[in-house]
Amino acid sequence: MILTKREREFSDVLFDTVFQTLGVSRAQLIGLNRGGHYPDYRAICYYLLRKYTKITLKRAGTLFGGRDHSTIINGLKQANDFIATHDKFFTQNLHLVETELLKILRARKWLFTEDQNNDINELIAESSNRLLDSETIQSNIYNLLKDKHNLLLNLKEILIYKTKADELHDHLMLQISRIDKKITMILHQ
């Protein structure tokens, strides 16, 4: 099946964006591997491909290694189910890919309707807010990890002192025991 220039260009941008944001190559996306999150990543691609192009299911299957249109339908259903249930892994990755994809498409001056441009602006603004939230969360996690590290160092010192105290206690008890034996010997003389 012959794809249009626009479909090929869009799919190239989509595959490159998925690789840059998620580290998943085109070969992994069109491959047959069903393990891990590859089906989820494919579902993200199917979803975005259908959202931003008028590609048919059969042509979409061609882009993904000659998959049948029913496979694309199942992937789209999976994507919609994940979105409807607010699946955190899926929606975060979808958001990352879509935001980057739209930035690239916008930079290439692909034509969008006014509604799509408004959606793009909202998505990019939301992404910036999430990035700020993410940086705050990372900072908080870093501070908590520093606190945990300091507490562990304090605990280590306490254990060292406890060990020394236990050794001193044992030594003193041994000395007391020796003194008790001497007292007992003197009393029995």
N, C-alpha and C. Protein backbone atom coordinates (compact mmCIF):
# COMPACT_ATOMS: atom_id res chain seq x y z
N MET A 1 0.84 -1.17 0.00
CA MET A 1 0.00 0.00 0.00
C MET A 1 0.89 1.23 0.00
N ILE A 2 0.57 2.18 -0.84
CA ILE A 2 1.35 3.40 -0.97
C ILE A 2 0.77 4.46 -0.03
N LEU A 3 1.67 5.03 0.77
CA LEU A 3 1.27 6.07 1.71
C LEU A 3 1.46 7.45 1.08
N THR A 4 0.66 8.41 1.50
CA THR A 4 0.83 9.77 1.00
C THR A 4 2.09 10.37 1.61
N LYS A 5 2.58 11.43 0.98
CA LYS A 5 3.76 12.12 1.49
C LYS A 5 3.51 12.61 2.91
N ARG A 6 2.34 13.17 3.13
CA ARG A 6 1.97 13.70 4.45
C ARG A 6 1.97 12.58 5.50
N GLU A 7 1.42 11.43 5.16
CA GLU A 7 1.38 10.29 6.09
C GLU A 7 2.78 9.81 6.43
N ARG A 8 3.64 9.73 5.41
CA ARG A 8 5.04 9.31 5.66
C ARG A 8 5.76 10.33 6.53
N GLU A 9 5.59 11.62 6.21
CA GLU A 9 6.26 12.67 6.99
C GLU A 9 5.78 12.66 8.43
N PHE A 10 4.46 12.56 8.61
CA PHE A 10 3.92 12.55 9.97
C PHE A 10 4.44 11.34 10.74
N SER A 11 4.42 10.17 10.09
CA SER A 11 4.87 8.97 10.80
C SER A 11 6.35 9.06 11.14
N ASP A 12 7.16 9.66 10.25
CA ASP A 12 8.59 9.84 10.56
C ASP A 12 8.76 10.72 11.79
N VAL A 13 8.02 11.82 11.83
CA VAL A 13 8.09 12.73 12.98
C VAL A 13 7.60 12.01 14.24
N LEU A 14 6.53 11.26 14.12
CA LEU A 14 5.98 10.53 15.26
C LEU A 14 6.98 9.51 15.80
N PHE A 15 7.55 8.69 14.90
CA PHE A 15 8.53 7.69 15.35
C PHE A 15 9.75 8.35 15.98
N ASP A 16 10.23 9.44 15.39
CA ASP A 16 11.38 10.16 15.96
C ASP A 16 11.05 10.73 17.34
N THR A 17 9.85 11.27 17.47
CA THR A 17 9.43 11.86 18.75
C THR A 17 9.32 10.80 19.83
N VAL A 18 8.75 9.65 19.49
CA VAL A 18 8.65 8.55 20.46
C VAL A 18 10.04 8.10 20.89
N PHE A 19 10.96 8.03 19.94
CA PHE A 19 12.33 7.63 20.27
C PHE A 19 12.98 8.66 21.19
N GLN A 20 12.80 9.96 20.88
CA GLN A 20 13.43 11.01 21.68
C GLN A 20 12.83 11.12 23.08
N THR A 21 11.52 10.92 23.20
CA THR A 21 10.89 11.11 24.51
C THR A 21 10.85 9.84 25.35
N LEU A 22 10.68 8.68 24.70
CA LEU A 22 10.53 7.44 25.46
C LEU A 22 11.69 6.46 25.26
N GLY A 23 12.54 6.74 24.28
CA GLY A 23 13.67 5.86 24.03
C GLY A 23 13.29 4.57 23.33
N VAL A 24 12.17 4.58 22.61
CA VAL A 24 11.70 3.39 21.91
C VAL A 24 11.89 3.63 20.41
N SER A 25 12.63 2.75 19.76
CA SER A 25 12.95 2.95 18.35
C SER A 25 11.81 2.54 17.43
N ARG A 26 11.91 2.97 16.18
CA ARG A 26 10.94 2.60 15.16
C ARG A 26 10.90 1.08 15.02
N ALA A 27 12.07 0.46 15.02
CA ALA A 27 12.13 -1.01 14.88
C ALA A 27 11.38 -1.70 16.02
N GLN A 28 11.48 -1.17 17.22
CA GLN A 28 10.76 -1.75 18.36
C GLN A 28 9.26 -1.52 18.23
N LEU A 29 8.87 -0.37 17.68
CA LEU A 29 7.45 -0.07 17.52
C LEU A 29 6.80 -0.93 16.44
N ILE A 30 7.52 -1.19 15.35
CA ILE A 30 6.92 -1.98 14.28
C ILE A 30 7.20 -3.47 14.44
N GLY A 31 8.07 -3.80 15.41
CA GLY A 31 8.41 -5.20 15.65
C GLY A 31 7.24 -5.98 16.22
N LEU A 32 7.47 -7.26 16.42
CA LEU A 32 6.41 -8.15 16.89
C LEU A 32 6.40 -8.35 18.40
N ASN A 33 7.33 -7.73 19.10
CA ASN A 33 7.45 -7.92 20.54
C ASN A 33 6.18 -7.44 21.25
N ARG A 34 5.57 -8.35 22.01
CA ARG A 34 4.37 -8.00 22.79
C ARG A 34 4.67 -7.82 24.26
N GLY A 35 5.94 -7.99 24.63
CA GLY A 35 6.32 -7.90 26.04
C GLY A 35 6.53 -6.46 26.47
N GLY A 36 6.67 -6.29 27.77
CA GLY A 36 6.92 -4.97 28.33
C GLY A 36 5.82 -3.98 27.99
N HIS A 37 6.24 -2.77 27.68
CA HIS A 37 5.28 -1.71 27.39
C HIS A 37 5.16 -1.43 25.89
N TYR A 38 5.74 -2.28 25.04
CA TYR A 38 5.68 -2.02 23.60
C TYR A 38 4.26 -1.90 23.08
N PRO A 39 3.31 -2.75 23.49
CA PRO A 39 1.93 -2.54 23.02
C PRO A 39 1.36 -1.19 23.44
N ASP A 40 1.73 -0.72 24.63
CA ASP A 40 1.26 0.59 25.09
C ASP A 40 1.85 1.71 24.23
N TYR A 41 3.15 1.60 23.92
CA TYR A 41 3.79 2.60 23.08
C TYR A 41 3.17 2.61 21.68
N ARG A 42 2.87 1.43 21.15
CA ARG A 42 2.21 1.37 19.85
C ARG A 42 0.83 2.02 19.92
N ALA A 43 0.11 1.77 21.01
CA ALA A 43 -1.22 2.35 21.17
C ALA A 43 -1.14 3.88 21.19
N ILE A 44 -0.10 4.43 21.81
CA ILE A 44 0.11 5.87 21.81
C ILE A 44 0.27 6.35 20.36
N CYS A 45 1.07 5.63 19.60
CA CYS A 45 1.30 6.01 18.20
C CYS A 45 0.01 5.92 17.39
N TYR A 46 -0.74 4.82 17.55
CA TYR A 46 -2.00 4.67 16.80
C TYR A 46 -2.92 5.85 17.13
N TYR A 47 -3.01 6.15 18.41
CA TYR A 47 -3.92 7.20 18.87
C TYR A 47 -3.54 8.55 18.25
N LEU A 48 -2.25 8.90 18.32
CA LEU A 48 -1.81 10.19 17.79
C LEU A 48 -1.89 10.23 16.26
N LEU A 49 -1.61 9.12 15.63
CA LEU A 49 -1.70 9.03 14.18
C LEU A 49 -3.13 9.30 13.72
N ARG A 50 -4.08 8.70 14.38
CA ARG A 50 -5.48 8.91 14.01
C ARG A 50 -5.97 10.30 14.41
N LYS A 51 -5.44 10.83 15.53
CA LYS A 51 -5.90 12.14 16.00
C LYS A 51 -5.46 13.26 15.06
N TYR A 52 -4.25 13.15 14.52
CA TYR A 52 -3.70 14.25 13.74
C TYR A 52 -3.64 14.00 12.23
N THR A 53 -4.06 12.84 11.77
CA THR A 53 -4.13 12.58 10.33
C THR A 53 -5.46 11.91 10.04
N LYS A 54 -5.78 11.84 8.78
CA LYS A 54 -7.01 11.16 8.35
C LYS A 54 -6.67 9.78 7.79
N ILE A 55 -5.58 9.20 8.26
CA ILE A 55 -5.11 7.92 7.75
C ILE A 55 -6.13 6.82 8.02
N THR A 56 -6.27 5.92 7.08
CA THR A 56 -7.17 4.79 7.27
C THR A 56 -6.49 3.77 8.18
N LEU A 57 -7.29 2.90 8.75
CA LEU A 57 -6.75 1.86 9.63
C LEU A 57 -5.80 0.94 8.87
N LYS A 58 -6.16 0.63 7.65
CA LYS A 58 -5.33 -0.26 6.84
C LYS A 58 -3.97 0.39 6.56
N ARG A 59 -3.98 1.68 6.22
CA ARG A 59 -2.73 2.39 5.95
C ARG A 59 -1.90 2.52 7.24
N ALA A 60 -2.57 2.73 8.36
CA ALA A 60 -1.86 2.79 9.65
C ALA A 60 -1.18 1.45 9.92
N GLY A 61 -1.88 0.36 9.61
CA GLY A 61 -1.28 -0.97 9.78
C GLY A 61 -0.03 -1.14 8.94
N THR A 62 -0.04 -0.55 7.75
CA THR A 62 1.13 -0.61 6.87
C THR A 62 2.33 0.06 7.53
N LEU A 63 2.10 1.18 8.19
CA LEU A 63 3.19 1.89 8.87
C LEU A 63 3.81 1.06 10.00
N PHE A 64 3.00 0.18 10.56
CA PHE A 64 3.46 -0.61 11.70
C PHE A 64 3.74 -2.04 11.30
N GLY A 65 4.53 -2.19 10.28
CA GLY A 65 5.02 -3.51 9.88
C GLY A 65 3.98 -4.39 9.21
N GLY A 66 2.97 -3.78 8.61
CA GLY A 66 1.97 -4.56 7.90
C GLY A 66 0.92 -5.18 8.81
N ARG A 67 0.69 -4.57 9.95
CA ARG A 67 -0.34 -5.08 10.87
C ARG A 67 -1.72 -4.95 10.24
N ASP A 68 -2.59 -5.85 10.63
CA ASP A 68 -3.97 -5.85 10.16
C ASP A 68 -4.72 -4.67 10.77
N HIS A 69 -5.75 -4.18 10.08
CA HIS A 69 -6.53 -3.04 10.59
C HIS A 69 -7.17 -3.37 11.94
N SER A 70 -7.49 -4.64 12.19
CA SER A 70 -8.10 -5.01 13.48
C SER A 70 -7.11 -4.82 14.63
N THR A 71 -5.83 -4.98 14.35
CA THR A 71 -4.81 -4.74 15.38
C THR A 71 -4.79 -3.26 15.74
N ILE A 72 -4.92 -2.41 14.73
CA ILE A 72 -4.95 -0.96 14.97
C ILE A 72 -6.20 -0.60 15.78
N ILE A 73 -7.33 -1.21 15.43
CA ILE A 73 -8.58 -0.96 16.17
C ILE A 73 -8.40 -1.34 17.63
N ASN A 74 -7.82 -2.52 17.88
CA ASN A 74 -7.59 -2.96 19.27
C ASN A 74 -6.66 -1.99 20.01
N GLY A 75 -5.61 -1.51 19.32
CA GLY A 75 -4.70 -0.56 19.95
C GLY A 75 -5.38 0.75 20.27
N LEU A 76 -6.25 1.21 19.36
CA LEU A 76 -7.01 2.45 19.62
C LEU A 76 -7.97 2.26 20.79
N LYS A 77 -8.60 1.11 20.85
CA LYS A 77 -9.50 0.81 21.97
C LYS A 77 -8.72 0.81 23.29
N GLN A 78 -7.56 0.18 23.25
CA GLN A 78 -6.71 0.14 24.44
C GLN A 78 -6.33 1.57 24.86
N ALA A 79 -5.94 2.40 23.90
CA ALA A 79 -5.57 3.79 24.20
C ALA A 79 -6.74 4.54 24.82
N ASN A 80 -7.92 4.40 24.23
CA ASN A 80 -9.10 5.09 24.76
C ASN A 80 -9.47 4.58 26.15
N ASP A 81 -9.30 3.27 26.39
CA ASP A 81 -9.57 2.71 27.71
C ASP A 81 -8.60 3.28 28.75
N PHE A 82 -7.32 3.35 28.38
CA PHE A 82 -6.32 3.91 29.30
C PHE A 82 -6.62 5.37 29.61
N ILE A 83 -7.02 6.12 28.59
CA ILE A 83 -7.34 7.54 28.79
C ILE A 83 -8.57 7.66 29.69
N ALA A 84 -9.58 6.85 29.43
CA ALA A 84 -10.83 6.91 30.21
C ALA A 84 -10.61 6.55 31.68
N THR A 85 -9.69 5.61 31.93
CA THR A 85 -9.44 5.18 33.31
C THR A 85 -8.30 5.95 33.96
N HIS A 86 -7.77 6.94 33.23
CA HIS A 86 -6.68 7.79 33.74
C HIS A 86 -5.46 6.96 34.14
N ASP A 87 -5.13 5.95 33.33
CA ASP A 87 -3.96 5.13 33.59
C ASP A 87 -2.73 6.04 33.61
N LYS A 88 -2.06 6.11 34.75
CA LYS A 88 -0.98 7.07 34.96
C LYS A 88 0.18 6.86 33.97
N PHE A 89 0.64 5.63 33.84
CA PHE A 89 1.77 5.35 32.94
C PHE A 89 1.44 5.77 31.52
N PHE A 90 0.27 5.34 31.04
CA PHE A 90 -0.11 5.61 29.66
C PHE A 90 -0.31 7.10 29.43
N THR A 91 -1.08 7.76 30.28
CA THR A 91 -1.41 9.16 30.05
C THR A 91 -0.18 10.06 30.17
N GLN A 92 0.73 9.74 31.08
CA GLN A 92 1.95 10.54 31.18
C GLN A 92 2.79 10.41 29.92
N ASN A 93 2.94 9.18 29.42
CA ASN A 93 3.73 8.97 28.22
C ASN A 93 3.05 9.57 27.00
N LEU A 94 1.73 9.43 26.91
CA LEU A 94 0.98 10.04 25.82
C LEU A 94 1.18 11.55 25.84
N HIS A 95 1.07 12.14 27.01
CA HIS A 95 1.22 13.58 27.15
C HIS A 95 2.63 14.03 26.72
N LEU A 96 3.65 13.30 27.16
CA LEU A 96 5.02 13.64 26.79
C LEU A 96 5.20 13.62 25.28
N VAL A 97 4.77 12.53 24.66
CA VAL A 97 4.96 12.37 23.22
C VAL A 97 4.14 13.42 22.46
N GLU A 98 2.88 13.59 22.85
CA GLU A 98 2.02 14.53 22.13
C GLU A 98 2.54 15.95 22.23
N THR A 99 3.00 16.36 23.40
CA THR A 99 3.52 17.72 23.57
C THR A 99 4.72 17.95 22.66
N GLU A 100 5.67 17.01 22.66
CA GLU A 100 6.86 17.15 21.81
C GLU A 100 6.49 17.09 20.34
N LEU A 101 5.58 16.20 19.99
CA LEU A 101 5.13 16.06 18.61
C LEU A 101 4.53 17.37 18.11
N LEU A 102 3.69 17.98 18.91
CA LEU A 102 3.04 19.22 18.50
C LEU A 102 4.04 20.37 18.37
N LYS A 103 5.04 20.39 19.23
CA LYS A 103 6.07 21.43 19.10
C LYS A 103 6.79 21.29 17.76
N ILE A 104 7.11 20.06 17.40
CA ILE A 104 7.82 19.82 16.13
C ILE A 104 6.92 20.17 14.95
N LEU A 105 5.67 19.72 15.00
CA LEU A 105 4.75 19.99 13.89
C LEU A 105 4.51 21.49 13.74
N ARG A 106 4.42 22.16 14.85
CA ARG A 106 4.21 23.60 14.82
C ARG A 106 5.43 24.31 14.23
N ALA A 107 6.62 23.85 14.62
CA ALA A 107 7.86 24.44 14.10
C ALA A 107 7.96 24.22 12.58
N ARG A 108 7.42 23.11 12.11
CA ARG A 108 7.44 22.82 10.66
C ARG A 108 6.29 23.50 9.93
N LYS A 109 5.50 24.25 10.68
CA LYS A 109 4.38 25.02 10.13
C LYS A 109 3.35 24.14 9.42
N TRP A 110 3.06 23.00 10.03
CA TRP A 110 1.98 22.18 9.50
C TRP A 110 0.68 22.91 9.78
N LEU A 111 -0.26 22.80 8.91
CA LEU A 111 -1.51 23.54 9.05
C LEU A 111 -2.42 22.88 10.08
N PHE A 112 -2.89 23.68 11.01
CA PHE A 112 -3.85 23.23 12.01
C PHE A 112 -5.04 24.17 11.99
N THR A 113 -6.18 23.65 12.39
CA THR A 113 -7.36 24.51 12.53
C THR A 113 -7.16 25.39 13.76
N GLU A 114 -7.99 26.40 13.90
CA GLU A 114 -7.89 27.28 15.07
C GLU A 114 -8.11 26.49 16.36
N ASP A 115 -9.06 25.56 16.35
CA ASP A 115 -9.31 24.73 17.53
C ASP A 115 -8.08 23.88 17.87
N GLN A 116 -7.45 23.32 16.84
CA GLN A 116 -6.26 22.51 17.08
C GLN A 116 -5.14 23.38 17.64
N ASN A 117 -4.99 24.60 17.11
CA ASN A 117 -3.97 25.52 17.63
C ASN A 117 -4.24 25.86 19.09
N ASN A 118 -5.51 26.07 19.44
CA ASN A 118 -5.86 26.34 20.84
C ASN A 118 -5.53 25.14 21.71
N ASP A 119 -5.84 23.93 21.21
CA ASP A 119 -5.52 22.71 21.94
C ASP A 119 -4.02 22.58 22.14
N ILE A 120 -3.27 22.90 21.09
CA ILE A 120 -1.81 22.82 21.17
C ILE A 120 -1.29 23.79 22.22
N ASN A 121 -1.79 25.02 22.21
CA ASN A 121 -1.34 26.02 23.19
C ASN A 121 -1.66 25.56 24.61
N GLU A 122 -2.86 25.02 24.82
CA GLU A 122 -3.24 24.52 26.15
C GLU A 122 -2.34 23.36 26.57
N LEU A 123 -2.09 22.45 25.65
CA LEU A 123 -1.27 21.27 25.95
C LEU A 123 0.15 21.69 26.31
N ILE A 124 0.71 22.62 25.56
CA ILE A 124 2.07 23.08 25.84
C ILE A 124 2.12 23.81 27.17
N ALA A 125 1.12 24.64 27.46
CA ALA A 125 1.07 25.35 28.75
C ALA A 125 0.94 24.35 29.90
N GLU A 126 0.07 23.35 29.72
CA GLU A 126 -0.10 22.32 30.74
C GLU A 126 1.19 21.55 30.95
N SER A 127 1.89 21.28 29.86
CA SER A 127 3.16 20.57 29.94
C SER A 127 4.18 21.37 30.73
N SER A 128 4.21 22.68 30.50
CA SER A 128 5.14 23.54 31.24
C SER A 128 4.81 23.51 32.73
N ASN A 129 3.51 23.56 33.07
CA ASN A 129 3.11 23.48 34.48
C ASN A 129 3.50 22.16 35.09
N ARG A 130 3.32 21.07 34.33
CA ARG A 130 3.70 19.75 34.84
C ARG A 130 5.20 19.66 35.04
N LEU A 131 5.95 20.30 34.13
CA LEU A 131 7.40 20.30 34.26
C LEU A 131 7.81 21.01 35.54
N LEU A 132 7.16 22.16 35.83
CA LEU A 132 7.45 22.87 37.08
C LEU A 132 7.09 22.02 38.28
N ASP A 133 5.91 21.36 38.21
CA ASP A 133 5.51 20.47 39.29
C ASP A 133 6.51 19.33 39.44
N SER A 134 6.96 18.81 38.32
CA SER A 134 7.93 17.71 38.33
C SER A 134 9.24 18.16 38.97
N GLU A 135 9.69 19.38 38.66
CA GLU A 135 10.93 19.89 39.25
C GLU A 135 10.77 20.07 40.76
N THR A 136 9.61 20.54 41.20
CA THR A 136 9.34 20.70 42.63
C THR A 136 9.35 19.34 43.31
N ILE A 137 8.71 18.37 42.69
CA ILE A 137 8.68 17.01 43.25
C ILE A 137 10.09 16.44 43.33
N GLN A 138 10.88 16.64 42.26
CA GLN A 138 12.26 16.14 42.27
C GLN A 138 13.06 16.80 43.38
N SER A 139 12.86 18.10 43.57
CA SER A 139 13.57 18.82 44.63
C SER A 139 13.17 18.28 46.00
N ASN A 140 11.88 18.05 46.19
CA ASN A 140 11.41 17.50 47.47
C ASN A 140 11.98 16.11 47.71
N ILE A 141 11.99 15.28 46.67
CA ILE A 141 12.54 13.93 46.80
C ILE A 141 14.02 14.00 47.15
N TYR A 142 14.75 14.90 46.48
CA TYR A 142 16.17 15.06 46.76
C TYR A 142 16.40 15.44 48.22
N ASN A 143 15.61 16.41 48.71
CA ASN A 143 15.75 16.83 50.12
C ASN A 143 15.41 15.69 51.07
N LEU A 144 14.39 14.92 50.76
CA LEU A 144 14.03 13.78 51.61
C LEU A 144 15.14 12.73 51.60
N LEU A 145 15.73 12.50 50.44
CA LEU A 145 16.83 11.53 50.37
C LEU A 145 18.04 12.01 51.17
N LYS A 146 18.32 13.32 51.13
CA LYS A 146 19.41 13.86 51.96
C LYS A 146 19.11 13.65 53.44
N ASP A 147 17.86 13.93 53.85
CA ASP A 147 17.47 13.72 55.25
C ASP A 147 17.62 12.25 55.63
N LYS A 148 17.18 11.37 54.76
CA LYS A 148 17.30 9.93 55.02
C LYS A 148 18.76 9.53 55.18
N HIS A 149 19.61 10.07 54.30
CA HIS A 149 21.05 9.76 54.37
C HIS A 149 21.63 10.21 55.71
N ASN A 150 21.27 11.41 56.14
CA ASN A 150 21.78 11.91 57.43
C ASN A 150 21.27 11.06 58.59
N LEU A 151 20.02 10.65 58.53
CA LEU A 151 19.48 9.79 59.59
C LEU A 151 20.20 8.44 59.62
N LEU A 152 20.50 7.91 58.46
CA LEU A 152 21.23 6.63 58.41
C LEU A 152 22.64 6.79 58.98
N LEU A 153 23.29 7.91 58.71
CA LEU A 153 24.61 8.16 59.29
C LEU A 153 24.52 8.24 60.82
N ASN A 154 23.49 8.93 61.32
CA ASN A 154 23.28 9.02 62.77
C ASN A 154 23.02 7.65 63.37
N LEU A 155 22.21 6.86 62.69
CA LEU A 155 21.92 5.50 63.16
C LEU A 155 23.20 4.66 63.21
N LYS A 156 24.05 4.82 62.20
CA LYS A 156 25.31 4.08 62.17
C LYS A 156 26.17 4.45 63.39
N GLU A 157 26.24 5.75 63.68
CA GLU A 157 27.01 6.18 64.86
C GLU A 157 26.42 5.61 66.14
N ILE A 158 25.10 5.63 66.24
CA ILE A 158 24.45 5.07 67.44
C ILE A 158 24.78 3.59 67.57
N LEU A 159 24.74 2.87 66.47
CA LEU A 159 25.05 1.44 66.52
C LEU A 159 26.49 1.20 66.93
N ILE A 160 27.40 2.07 66.45
CA ILE A 160 28.80 1.94 66.86
C ILE A 160 28.92 2.17 68.35
N TYR A 161 28.27 3.25 68.86
CA TYR A 161 28.32 3.52 70.30
C TYR A 161 27.64 2.41 71.09
N LYS A 162 26.55 1.88 70.56
CA LYS A 162 25.86 0.80 71.26
C LYS A 162 26.76 -0.42 71.34
N THR A 163 27.44 -0.72 70.24
CA THR A 163 28.36 -1.86 70.24
C THR A 163 29.47 -1.65 71.27
N LYS A 164 30.01 -0.45 71.31
CA LYS A 164 31.06 -0.15 72.29
C LYS A 164 30.49 -0.23 73.71
N ALA A 165 29.28 0.28 73.89
CA ALA A 165 28.64 0.21 75.20
C ALA A 165 28.39 -1.23 75.61
N ASP A 166 27.94 -2.06 74.65
CA ASP A 166 27.72 -3.48 74.95
C ASP A 166 29.03 -4.16 75.33
N GLU A 167 30.10 -3.82 74.61
CA GLU A 167 31.40 -4.41 74.92
C GLU A 167 31.86 -3.97 76.31
N LEU A 168 31.68 -2.69 76.63
CA LEU A 168 32.05 -2.18 77.94
C LEU A 168 31.20 -2.84 79.02
N HIS A 169 29.91 -2.97 78.75
CA HIS A 169 29.02 -3.64 79.70
C HIS A 169 29.50 -5.07 79.96
N ASP A 170 29.81 -5.82 78.89
CA ASP A 170 30.29 -7.19 79.05
C ASP A 170 31.60 -7.22 79.84
N HIS A 171 32.50 -6.29 79.56
CA HIS A 171 33.77 -6.23 80.28
C HIS A 171 33.54 -5.95 81.77
N LEU A 172 32.66 -4.98 82.05
CA LEU A 172 32.37 -4.65 83.44
C LEU A 172 31.70 -5.83 84.16
N MET A 173 30.78 -6.51 83.47
CA MET A 173 30.11 -7.66 84.08
C MET A 173 31.13 -8.77 84.38
N LEU A 174 32.10 -8.95 83.50
CA LEU A 174 33.16 -9.94 83.73
C LEU A 174 33.99 -9.54 84.96
N GLN A 175 34.32 -8.27 85.07
CA GLN A 175 35.08 -7.79 86.22
C GLN A 175 34.28 -7.98 87.51
N ILE A 176 32.98 -7.65 87.46
CA ILE A 176 32.13 -7.84 88.64
C ILE A 176 32.07 -9.31 89.01
N SER A 177 31.96 -10.16 88.00
CA SER A 177 31.91 -11.61 88.26
C SER A 177 33.21 -12.07 88.92
N ARG A 178 34.35 -11.59 88.50
CA ARG A 178 35.64 -11.95 89.09
C ARG A 178 35.71 -11.47 90.55
N ILE A 179 35.23 -10.24 90.75
CA ILE A 179 35.24 -9.70 92.12
C ILE A 179 34.33 -10.55 93.01
N ASP A 180 33.14 -10.93 92.50
CA ASP A 180 32.22 -11.79 93.26
C ASP A 180 32.89 -13.12 93.61
N LYS A 181 33.62 -13.69 92.67
CA LYS A 181 34.32 -14.96 92.94
C LYS A 181 35.37 -14.78 94.04
N LYS A 182 36.11 -13.68 93.99
CA LYS A 182 37.13 -13.42 95.00
C LYS A 182 36.49 -13.24 96.37
N ILE A 183 35.37 -12.53 96.39
CA ILE A 183 34.66 -12.33 97.66
C ILE A 183 34.19 -13.69 98.20
N THR A 184 33.65 -14.50 97.33
CA THR A 184 33.17 -15.83 97.73
C THR A 184 34.33 -16.67 98.25
N MET A 185 35.48 -16.61 97.61
CA MET A 185 36.64 -17.38 98.06
C MET A 185 37.12 -16.90 99.43
N ILE A 186 37.12 -15.60 99.62
CA ILE A 186 37.56 -15.05 100.91
C ILE A 186 36.58 -15.47 102.01
N LEU A 187 35.31 -15.44 101.74
CA LEU A 187 34.31 -15.79 102.72
C LEU A 187 34.38 -17.30 103.07
N HIS A 188 34.80 -18.12 102.17
CA HIS A 188 34.86 -19.56 102.40
C HIS A 188 36.18 -20.00 103.02
N GLN A 189 37.07 -19.12 103.28
CA GLN A 189 38.34 -19.50 103.87
C GLN A 189 38.25 -19.66 105.35
